[in-house]
Amino acid sequence: MEDILEKLGLPSLVSKFRRERIVPSTILSMTDDDIRILGIEAIGDLVRLRVMCREYEYEEGNAAGHGSSNSGPSVASTSGTSDRPSANSIREERVRLFNPRGARSQSKKKKTPQGRTWTVQFVIYFPC
């Protein structure tokens, strides 16, 4: 982790990362806000940190014999957003959690109440 921070020009954060026991795999599972709490404020530094940690994990996986491809991490995996759920999956989960009857109940038209029919009776009163 120290090498990555030094390559980013952030050697002052090495002691904080060591104290918090932050390793590259931890960075990949942290949110942007979590990383900002550690002292990395710039978006560019944050993205480069994720990319370098992902590359480090890939290289460690290959060194341990877990990876079989020599092409390196894909471009899509270095975008920094692959760790986050998509907006569509968040919406679907929210619908599942807060709409237990499913989406079909929204499209189902409610039964409109029938109007009451009135029967009129005329009473004719003749006084005697």
Protein backbone atom coordinates (compact mmCIF):
# COMPACT_ATOMS: atom_id res chain seq x y z
CA MET A 1 0.00 0.00 0.00
CA GLU A 2 2.93 2.30 0.74
CA ASP A 3 4.21 1.98 -2.84
CA ILE A 4 0.81 2.88 -4.27
CA LEU A 5 0.48 5.97 -2.08
CA GLU A 6 4.01 7.10 -2.95
CA LYS A 7 3.31 6.67 -6.69
CA LEU A 8 0.23 8.86 -6.22
CA GLY A 9 2.33 11.50 -4.44
CA LEU A 10 0.59 10.94 -1.11
CA PRO A 11 3.35 9.63 1.18
CA SER A 12 1.93 11.66 4.08
CA LEU A 13 -1.05 9.28 4.24
CA VAL A 14 1.04 6.11 4.65
CA SER A 15 0.92 6.20 8.46
CA LYS A 16 -2.85 6.74 8.48
CA PHE A 17 -3.42 3.85 6.09
CA ARG A 18 -1.13 1.66 8.18
CA ARG A 19 -2.93 2.66 11.40
CA GLU A 20 -6.33 1.88 9.87
CA ARG A 21 -4.98 -1.39 8.36
CA ILE A 22 -6.01 -0.41 4.83
CA VAL A 23 -4.81 -2.74 2.07
CA PRO A 24 -5.56 -2.58 -1.68
CA SER A 25 -8.43 -5.09 -1.45
CA THR A 26 -10.01 -2.93 1.27
CA ILE A 27 -9.86 0.15 -0.98
CA LEU A 28 -11.79 -1.71 -3.68
CA SER A 29 -14.66 -2.38 -1.27
CA MET A 30 -14.77 1.13 0.24
CA THR A 31 -17.09 3.92 -0.90
CA ASP A 32 -15.79 7.28 -2.10
CA ASP A 33 -16.84 8.86 1.20
CA ASP A 34 -14.90 6.24 3.18
CA ILE A 35 -11.77 6.99 1.17
CA ARG A 36 -12.26 10.74 1.59
CA ILE A 37 -12.34 10.25 5.37
CA LEU A 38 -8.84 8.79 5.06
CA GLY A 39 -7.64 12.04 3.50
CA ILE A 40 -7.90 11.60 -0.27
CA GLU A 41 -10.10 14.48 -1.39
CA ALA A 42 -9.29 14.89 -5.10
CA ILE A 43 -11.43 12.84 -7.46
CA GLY A 44 -8.46 12.17 -9.74
CA ASP A 45 -6.42 10.78 -6.84
CA LEU A 46 -9.36 8.66 -5.77
CA VAL A 47 -9.81 7.16 -9.25
CA ARG A 48 -6.07 6.55 -9.69
CA LEU A 49 -5.95 4.91 -6.25
CA ARG A 50 -8.73 2.49 -7.20
CA VAL A 51 -7.06 1.70 -10.55
CA MET A 52 -3.69 1.06 -8.92
CA CYS A 53 -5.27 -1.11 -6.20
CA ARG A 54 -7.16 -3.09 -8.84
CA GLU A 55 -3.94 -3.61 -10.81
CA TYR A 56 -2.14 -4.63 -7.62
CA GLU A 57 -4.83 -7.19 -6.81
CA TYR A 58 -4.71 -8.51 -10.38
CA GLU A 59 -0.92 -8.89 -10.24
CA GLU A 60 -1.11 -10.59 -6.83
CA GLY A 61 -3.74 -12.97 -8.19
CA ASN A 62 -1.54 -13.87 -11.15
CA ALA A 63 1.51 -14.30 -8.93
CA ALA A 64 -0.46 -16.72 -6.74
CA GLY A 65 -1.60 -18.65 -9.82
CA HIS A 66 -5.24 -17.54 -9.65
CA GLY A 67 -5.30 -15.68 -12.97
CA SER A 68 -4.76 -17.31 -16.34
CA SER A 69 -4.93 -14.30 -18.65
CA ASN A 70 -1.93 -12.11 -19.42
CA SER A 71 -3.95 -9.27 -20.87
CA GLY A 72 -4.22 -7.31 -17.61
CA PRO A 73 -7.37 -5.84 -16.13
CA SER A 74 -10.01 -4.83 -18.61
CA VAL A 75 -10.75 -1.21 -19.35
CA ALA A 76 -14.28 -1.59 -17.99
CA SER A 77 -12.96 -2.80 -14.65
CA THR A 78 -10.77 0.27 -14.22
CA SER A 79 -13.58 2.77 -14.55
CA GLY A 80 -14.04 3.04 -10.79
CA THR A 81 -17.77 2.42 -11.00
CA SER A 82 -17.82 -1.36 -11.37
CA ASP A 83 -17.84 -1.76 -7.57
CA ARG A 84 -21.05 0.21 -7.32
CA PRO A 85 -24.49 -1.17 -8.08
CA SER A 86 -26.17 0.33 -11.11
CA ALA A 87 -29.07 2.74 -10.76
CA ASN A 88 -31.34 0.17 -12.37
CA SER A 89 -30.46 -2.52 -9.83
CA ILE A 90 -30.97 -0.06 -6.96
CA ARG A 91 -34.39 0.87 -8.31
CA GLU A 92 -35.38 -2.78 -8.69
CA GLU A 93 -34.27 -3.57 -5.15
CA ARG A 94 -36.19 -0.59 -3.79
CA VAL A 95 -39.34 -1.75 -5.59
CA ARG A 96 -38.91 -5.26 -4.18
CA LEU A 97 -38.43 -3.95 -0.65
CA PHE A 98 -41.08 -1.26 -0.48
CA ASN A 99 -43.71 -2.60 -2.87
CA PRO A 100 -44.39 -6.12 -1.61
CA ARG A 101 -47.27 -6.74 -4.02
CA GLY A 102 -45.06 -6.11 -7.02
CA ALA A 103 -45.25 -3.68 -9.89
CA ARG A 104 -48.47 -5.22 -11.23
CA SER A 105 -50.51 -3.61 -8.45
CA GLN A 106 -49.58 -0.16 -9.74
CA SER A 107 -50.83 -0.84 -13.24
CA LYS A 108 -54.01 -2.46 -11.99
CA LYS A 109 -56.88 -0.01 -12.10
CA LYS A 110 -58.79 0.40 -8.91
CA LYS A 111 -62.43 -0.51 -9.02
CA THR A 112 -64.47 2.64 -9.17
CA PRO A 113 -67.44 2.63 -6.80
CA GLN A 114 -70.85 2.41 -8.46
CA GLY A 115 -73.12 5.36 -7.95
CA ARG A 116 -76.18 4.73 -5.80
CA THR A 117 -79.49 4.59 -7.52
CA TRP A 118 -82.36 6.46 -6.00
CA THR A 119 -85.97 5.44 -5.95
CA VAL A 120 -88.35 8.30 -5.61
CA GLN A 121 -91.76 7.85 -4.03
CA PHE A 122 -94.31 10.57 -4.21
CA VAL A 123 -96.77 10.74 -1.38
CA ILE A 124 -99.82 12.80 -2.04
CA TYR A 125 -101.48 14.12 1.04
CA PHE A 126 -105.07 15.26 0.92
CA PRO A 127 -106.23 16.91 4.07
CA CYS A 128 -109.77 15.97 5.08
